[in-house]
Amino acid sequence: MPREIIHTDLAPAAIGTYSQAVKIGDTVYLSGQIPLDPATLQLVDGPMEAHVRRVFDNLAAVAKAAGGSLADAVKLNVFLTDLGHFAQINQIMAEYFREPYPARAAIGVAALPRGAQVEMDAVLVLGS
């Protein structure tokens, strides 16, 4: 099955040797997104809420470019430098996702690219 490389200017351009997403059949693998503004490639200002929303908005833009939406997410990985923000992630996630929710892992990490406090990646199955 051929793979399709997904790109959109509505999410940050890849800052390394990776693609924003790769689509194989009906499955789309979204690369990790940190709270970068797509226009400036700088971390967004503001509280953690602004960072989490920017990450979800970036993931949603890539999902749309692949022909889907966050509603097609079957797996979400959340990486946090402070697991104390986990409750806030849950609260904001409820605004971006509806039941049935995707499977999810939340992982505490020592550091993330560019000093970000949060990163997320996802797997979509289109039409799910």
N, C-alpha and C. Protein backbone atom coordinates (compact mmCIF):
# COMPACT_ATOMS: atom_id res chain seq x y z
N MET A 1 0.85 -1.17 0.00
CA MET A 1 0.00 0.00 0.00
C MET A 1 0.90 1.24 0.00
N PRO A 2 0.67 2.17 -0.91
CA PRO A 2 1.52 3.37 -0.96
C PRO A 2 1.25 4.29 0.23
N ARG A 3 2.28 5.02 0.61
CA ARG A 3 2.09 5.98 1.69
C ARG A 3 2.04 7.39 1.11
N GLU A 4 1.27 8.23 1.78
CA GLU A 4 1.11 9.63 1.37
C GLU A 4 1.65 10.51 2.48
N ILE A 5 2.49 11.45 2.12
CA ILE A 5 3.02 12.40 3.08
C ILE A 5 2.04 13.57 3.18
N ILE A 6 1.66 13.91 4.41
CA ILE A 6 0.68 14.96 4.65
C ILE A 6 1.41 16.23 5.09
N HIS A 7 0.99 17.36 4.53
CA HIS A 7 1.57 18.65 4.91
C HIS A 7 0.49 19.72 4.84
N THR A 8 0.53 20.63 5.79
CA THR A 8 -0.33 21.80 5.76
C THR A 8 0.43 22.99 6.34
N ASP A 9 0.19 24.15 5.77
CA ASP A 9 0.79 25.38 6.31
C ASP A 9 0.04 25.87 7.55
N LEU A 10 -1.09 25.23 7.89
CA LEU A 10 -1.87 25.62 9.06
C LEU A 10 -1.35 25.00 10.35
N ALA A 11 -0.29 24.21 10.23
CA ALA A 11 0.41 23.65 11.39
C ALA A 11 1.90 23.92 11.17
N PRO A 12 2.68 23.90 12.24
CA PRO A 12 4.11 24.19 12.08
C PRO A 12 4.79 23.22 11.10
N ALA A 13 5.65 23.77 10.28
CA ALA A 13 6.45 22.94 9.38
C ALA A 13 7.37 22.06 10.22
N ALA A 14 7.70 20.91 9.70
CA ALA A 14 8.61 20.00 10.39
C ALA A 14 9.93 20.72 10.66
N ILE A 15 10.44 20.58 11.88
CA ILE A 15 11.70 21.23 12.24
C ILE A 15 12.82 20.19 12.36
N GLY A 16 12.67 19.12 11.62
CA GLY A 16 13.65 18.05 11.65
C GLY A 16 13.40 17.09 10.50
N THR A 17 13.94 15.91 10.64
CA THR A 17 13.83 14.90 9.59
C THR A 17 12.59 14.04 9.80
N TYR A 18 11.42 14.66 9.63
CA TYR A 18 10.15 13.95 9.76
C TYR A 18 9.09 14.68 8.95
N SER A 19 7.95 14.04 8.79
CA SER A 19 6.79 14.62 8.11
C SER A 19 5.74 14.98 9.16
N GLN A 20 4.88 15.93 8.83
CA GLN A 20 3.79 16.26 9.76
C GLN A 20 2.91 15.05 10.01
N ALA A 21 2.69 14.26 8.97
CA ALA A 21 1.91 13.03 9.10
C ALA A 21 2.19 12.14 7.90
N VAL A 22 1.91 10.87 8.09
CA VAL A 22 2.02 9.88 7.01
C VAL A 22 0.72 9.10 6.99
N LYS A 23 0.13 9.00 5.79
CA LYS A 23 -1.13 8.29 5.61
C LYS A 23 -0.87 7.00 4.84
N ILE A 24 -1.34 5.90 5.42
CA ILE A 24 -1.25 4.60 4.75
C ILE A 24 -2.65 4.01 4.78
N GLY A 25 -3.27 3.90 3.62
CA GLY A 25 -4.66 3.44 3.58
C GLY A 25 -5.53 4.43 4.34
N ASP A 26 -6.32 3.92 5.29
CA ASP A 26 -7.19 4.78 6.09
C ASP A 26 -6.55 5.20 7.41
N THR A 27 -5.30 4.82 7.62
CA THR A 27 -4.61 5.13 8.87
C THR A 27 -3.65 6.29 8.66
N VAL A 28 -3.70 7.25 9.58
CA VAL A 28 -2.84 8.43 9.51
C VAL A 28 -2.06 8.52 10.82
N TYR A 29 -0.75 8.62 10.70
CA TYR A 29 0.14 8.75 11.85
C TYR A 29 0.59 10.21 11.93
N LEU A 30 0.11 10.92 12.94
CA LEU A 30 0.44 12.34 13.12
C LEU A 30 1.69 12.45 13.98
N SER A 31 2.67 13.19 13.51
CA SER A 31 3.88 13.43 14.29
C SER A 31 3.55 14.28 15.51
N GLY A 32 4.46 14.26 16.45
CA GLY A 32 4.29 15.05 17.66
C GLY A 32 4.20 16.53 17.35
N GLN A 33 3.31 17.19 18.03
CA GLN A 33 3.14 18.64 17.91
C GLN A 33 3.42 19.27 19.27
N ILE A 34 4.21 20.32 19.24
CA ILE A 34 4.41 21.15 20.42
C ILE A 34 3.68 22.47 20.16
N PRO A 35 3.56 23.34 21.16
CA PRO A 35 2.75 24.55 20.96
C PRO A 35 3.45 25.65 20.16
N LEU A 36 3.82 25.31 18.94
CA LEU A 36 4.41 26.29 18.04
C LEU A 36 3.33 26.98 17.24
N ASP A 37 3.45 28.29 17.09
CA ASP A 37 2.60 29.05 16.20
C ASP A 37 3.05 28.72 14.78
N PRO A 38 2.13 28.28 13.90
CA PRO A 38 2.55 27.89 12.55
C PRO A 38 3.16 29.02 11.74
N ALA A 39 2.77 30.26 12.02
CA ALA A 39 3.26 31.40 11.25
C ALA A 39 4.67 31.80 11.65
N THR A 40 4.96 31.73 12.95
CA THR A 40 6.25 32.22 13.44
C THR A 40 7.22 31.11 13.83
N LEU A 41 6.71 29.89 13.99
CA LEU A 41 7.49 28.75 14.50
C LEU A 41 8.09 29.03 15.88
N GLN A 42 7.42 29.89 16.65
CA GLN A 42 7.81 30.18 18.03
C GLN A 42 6.76 29.60 18.97
N LEU A 43 7.21 29.23 20.18
CA LEU A 43 6.25 28.77 21.18
C LEU A 43 5.25 29.88 21.48
N VAL A 44 3.99 29.51 21.65
CA VAL A 44 2.97 30.50 21.98
C VAL A 44 3.23 31.04 23.39
N ASP A 45 2.79 32.26 23.61
CA ASP A 45 2.88 32.88 24.93
C ASP A 45 1.64 32.48 25.73
N GLY A 46 1.72 32.71 27.02
CA GLY A 46 0.55 32.53 27.86
C GLY A 46 0.63 31.33 28.76
N PRO A 47 -0.48 31.08 29.45
CA PRO A 47 -0.53 29.98 30.42
C PRO A 47 -0.56 28.62 29.72
N MET A 48 -0.48 27.58 30.53
CA MET A 48 -0.48 26.22 30.01
C MET A 48 -1.69 25.96 29.13
N GLU A 49 -2.84 26.52 29.47
CA GLU A 49 -4.04 26.34 28.67
C GLU A 49 -3.80 26.74 27.21
N ALA A 50 -3.13 27.86 26.99
CA ALA A 50 -2.84 28.33 25.63
C ALA A 50 -1.92 27.34 24.91
N HIS A 51 -0.99 26.74 25.62
CA HIS A 51 -0.07 25.78 25.02
C HIS A 51 -0.82 24.52 24.60
N VAL A 52 -1.68 24.03 25.48
CA VAL A 52 -2.44 22.81 25.18
C VAL A 52 -3.37 23.04 24.00
N ARG A 53 -4.06 24.17 23.98
CA ARG A 53 -4.96 24.47 22.87
C ARG A 53 -4.19 24.59 21.54
N ARG A 54 -3.01 25.18 21.56
CA ARG A 54 -2.22 25.30 20.33
C ARG A 54 -1.82 23.91 19.83
N VAL A 55 -1.46 23.01 20.74
CA VAL A 55 -1.11 21.65 20.33
C VAL A 55 -2.32 20.97 19.69
N PHE A 56 -3.49 21.05 20.34
CA PHE A 56 -4.68 20.44 19.75
C PHE A 56 -5.04 21.08 18.42
N ASP A 57 -4.91 22.40 18.31
CA ASP A 57 -5.19 23.08 17.04
C ASP A 57 -4.22 22.62 15.94
N ASN A 58 -2.95 22.45 16.29
CA ASN A 58 -1.97 21.97 15.31
C ASN A 58 -2.32 20.55 14.86
N LEU A 59 -2.65 19.68 15.82
CA LEU A 59 -3.03 18.31 15.45
C LEU A 59 -4.28 18.32 14.58
N ALA A 60 -5.25 19.15 14.92
CA ALA A 60 -6.49 19.23 14.13
C ALA A 60 -6.21 19.69 12.70
N ALA A 61 -5.30 20.63 12.53
CA ALA A 61 -4.97 21.12 11.18
C ALA A 61 -4.33 20.02 10.34
N VAL A 62 -3.45 19.24 10.94
CA VAL A 62 -2.82 18.14 10.20
C VAL A 62 -3.86 17.05 9.90
N ALA A 63 -4.72 16.76 10.87
CA ALA A 63 -5.78 15.77 10.64
C ALA A 63 -6.67 16.19 9.47
N LYS A 64 -7.02 17.47 9.42
CA LYS A 64 -7.86 17.98 8.33
C LYS A 64 -7.13 17.85 6.99
N ALA A 65 -5.84 18.15 6.97
CA ALA A 65 -5.07 18.03 5.72
C ALA A 65 -5.02 16.59 5.23
N ALA A 66 -5.17 15.65 6.16
CA ALA A 66 -5.16 14.23 5.80
C ALA A 66 -6.55 13.73 5.40
N GLY A 67 -7.55 14.61 5.48
CA GLY A 67 -8.91 14.22 5.12
C GLY A 67 -9.74 13.76 6.30
N GLY A 68 -9.30 14.08 7.51
CA GLY A 68 -10.03 13.65 8.69
C GLY A 68 -10.19 14.76 9.69
N SER A 69 -10.36 14.36 10.93
CA SER A 69 -10.50 15.30 12.04
C SER A 69 -10.06 14.59 13.31
N LEU A 70 -10.04 15.33 14.40
CA LEU A 70 -9.70 14.70 15.67
C LEU A 70 -10.72 13.64 16.07
N ALA A 71 -11.92 13.70 15.52
CA ALA A 71 -12.93 12.68 15.80
C ALA A 71 -12.49 11.31 15.28
N ASP A 72 -11.54 11.28 14.36
CA ASP A 72 -11.02 10.03 13.81
C ASP A 72 -9.86 9.46 14.63
N ALA A 73 -9.45 10.16 15.70
CA ALA A 73 -8.32 9.70 16.51
C ALA A 73 -8.68 8.42 17.26
N VAL A 74 -7.81 7.44 17.16
CA VAL A 74 -7.99 6.19 17.91
C VAL A 74 -6.93 6.06 18.99
N LYS A 75 -5.84 6.85 18.91
CA LYS A 75 -4.77 6.81 19.89
C LYS A 75 -4.16 8.19 20.01
N LEU A 76 -3.95 8.63 21.24
CA LEU A 76 -3.34 9.92 21.52
C LEU A 76 -2.27 9.70 22.57
N ASN A 77 -1.09 10.23 22.32
CA ASN A 77 -0.01 10.21 23.30
C ASN A 77 0.24 11.63 23.76
N VAL A 78 0.30 11.82 25.07
CA VAL A 78 0.53 13.14 25.67
C VAL A 78 1.84 13.07 26.45
N PHE A 79 2.74 13.98 26.16
CA PHE A 79 4.02 14.06 26.85
C PHE A 79 4.06 15.38 27.62
N LEU A 80 4.30 15.31 28.92
CA LEU A 80 4.30 16.49 29.78
C LEU A 80 5.58 16.56 30.59
N THR A 81 6.12 17.77 30.72
CA THR A 81 7.28 17.94 31.59
C THR A 81 6.85 18.06 33.05
N ASP A 82 5.55 18.27 33.29
CA ASP A 82 5.01 18.34 34.64
C ASP A 82 3.64 17.66 34.64
N LEU A 83 3.57 16.46 35.22
CA LEU A 83 2.30 15.74 35.23
C LEU A 83 1.24 16.43 36.08
N GLY A 84 1.61 17.47 36.78
CA GLY A 84 0.64 18.27 37.51
C GLY A 84 -0.36 18.96 36.59
N HIS A 85 -0.05 19.04 35.30
CA HIS A 85 -0.95 19.65 34.32
C HIS A 85 -1.95 18.65 33.75
N PHE A 86 -1.91 17.41 34.22
CA PHE A 86 -2.74 16.35 33.63
C PHE A 86 -4.24 16.67 33.72
N ALA A 87 -4.70 17.17 34.85
CA ALA A 87 -6.12 17.49 35.00
C ALA A 87 -6.55 18.56 33.99
N GLN A 88 -5.68 19.52 33.74
CA GLN A 88 -5.99 20.57 32.76
C GLN A 88 -6.05 19.98 31.35
N ILE A 89 -5.17 19.04 31.06
CA ILE A 89 -5.21 18.36 29.76
C ILE A 89 -6.57 17.70 29.59
N ASN A 90 -7.03 16.97 30.62
CA ASN A 90 -8.33 16.30 30.55
C ASN A 90 -9.46 17.29 30.28
N GLN A 91 -9.44 18.39 30.99
CA GLN A 91 -10.50 19.39 30.84
C GLN A 91 -10.54 19.95 29.42
N ILE A 92 -9.40 20.32 28.89
CA ILE A 92 -9.34 20.89 27.54
C ILE A 92 -9.63 19.82 26.49
N MET A 93 -9.14 18.60 26.73
CA MET A 93 -9.37 17.51 25.78
C MET A 93 -10.87 17.27 25.58
N ALA A 94 -11.65 17.44 26.63
CA ALA A 94 -13.10 17.23 26.54
C ALA A 94 -13.76 18.24 25.60
N GLU A 95 -13.09 19.35 25.32
CA GLU A 95 -13.62 20.33 24.37
C GLU A 95 -13.29 19.95 22.92
N TYR A 96 -12.25 19.17 22.72
CA TYR A 96 -11.79 18.81 21.37
C TYR A 96 -12.24 17.41 20.95
N PHE A 97 -12.61 16.56 21.89
CA PHE A 97 -12.98 15.17 21.61
C PHE A 97 -14.32 14.85 22.23
N ARG A 98 -15.03 13.95 21.60
CA ARG A 98 -16.30 13.44 22.12
C ARG A 98 -16.18 11.92 22.28
N GLU A 99 -17.05 11.35 23.09
CA GLU A 99 -17.05 9.89 23.25
C GLU A 99 -17.46 9.24 21.94
N PRO A 100 -16.91 8.10 21.63
CA PRO A 100 -15.89 7.38 22.39
C PRO A 100 -14.53 8.04 22.23
N TYR A 101 -13.87 8.26 23.34
CA TYR A 101 -12.57 8.90 23.33
C TYR A 101 -11.51 7.96 22.79
N PRO A 102 -10.44 8.52 22.23
CA PRO A 102 -9.35 7.65 21.76
C PRO A 102 -8.62 7.02 22.95
N ALA A 103 -7.93 5.93 22.69
CA ALA A 103 -7.01 5.40 23.69
C ALA A 103 -5.95 6.47 23.92
N ARG A 104 -5.36 6.49 25.13
CA ARG A 104 -4.42 7.57 25.42
C ARG A 104 -3.37 7.10 26.41
N ALA A 105 -2.19 7.65 26.23
CA ALA A 105 -1.12 7.51 27.21
C ALA A 105 -0.68 8.90 27.61
N ALA A 106 -0.35 9.08 28.88
CA ALA A 106 0.20 10.35 29.37
C ALA A 106 1.53 10.02 30.02
N ILE A 107 2.57 10.64 29.52
CA ILE A 107 3.93 10.28 29.92
C ILE A 107 4.65 11.52 30.44
N GLY A 108 5.22 11.40 31.61
CA GLY A 108 6.04 12.47 32.16
C GLY A 108 7.45 12.37 31.60
N VAL A 109 7.97 13.47 31.11
CA VAL A 109 9.30 13.48 30.50
C VAL A 109 10.13 14.60 31.11
N ALA A 110 11.44 14.47 31.00
CA ALA A 110 12.35 15.47 31.57
C ALA A 110 12.39 16.74 30.74
N ALA A 111 12.30 16.61 29.43
CA ALA A 111 12.39 17.78 28.55
C ALA A 111 11.74 17.47 27.22
N LEU A 112 11.34 18.54 26.51
CA LEU A 112 10.75 18.43 25.19
C LEU A 112 11.45 19.43 24.27
N PRO A 113 11.32 19.25 22.94
CA PRO A 113 11.96 20.18 22.01
C PRO A 113 11.58 21.63 22.28
N ARG A 114 12.56 22.51 22.10
CA ARG A 114 12.39 23.96 22.22
C ARG A 114 11.91 24.41 23.60
N GLY A 115 12.06 23.56 24.59
CA GLY A 115 11.65 23.92 25.94
C GLY A 115 10.15 23.86 26.16
N ALA A 116 9.43 23.19 25.26
CA ALA A 116 7.98 23.06 25.40
C ALA A 116 7.64 22.28 26.67
N GLN A 117 6.45 22.52 27.20
CA GLN A 117 5.96 21.81 28.37
C GLN A 117 5.04 20.66 28.00
N VAL A 118 4.55 20.64 26.75
CA VAL A 118 3.61 19.62 26.31
C VAL A 118 3.86 19.29 24.85
N GLU A 119 3.71 18.02 24.52
CA GLU A 119 3.76 17.54 23.14
C GLU A 119 2.74 16.42 23.02
N MET A 120 2.10 16.32 21.87
CA MET A 120 1.15 15.23 21.62
C MET A 120 1.31 14.73 20.20
N ASP A 121 1.08 13.43 20.04
CA ASP A 121 0.97 12.84 18.72
C ASP A 121 -0.28 11.98 18.70
N ALA A 122 -0.68 11.53 17.52
CA ALA A 122 -1.93 10.78 17.42
C ALA A 122 -1.90 9.83 16.24
N VAL A 123 -2.79 8.86 16.31
CA VAL A 123 -3.07 7.95 15.19
C VAL A 123 -4.53 8.09 14.88
N LEU A 124 -4.84 8.31 13.60
CA LEU A 124 -6.22 8.42 13.13
C LEU A 124 -6.56 7.21 12.28
N VAL A 125 -7.80 6.80 12.32
CA VAL A 125 -8.34 5.87 11.34
C VAL A 125 -9.51 6.60 10.72
N LEU A 126 -9.35 6.99 9.47
CA LEU A 126 -10.35 7.81 8.79
C LEU A 126 -11.66 7.06 8.66
N GLY A 127 -12.73 7.78 8.95
CA GLY A 127 -14.06 7.17 8.87
C GLY A 127 -14.41 6.33 10.09
N SER A 128 -13.55 6.39 11.12
CA SER A 128 -13.81 5.57 12.31
C SER A 128 -14.86 6.23 13.18
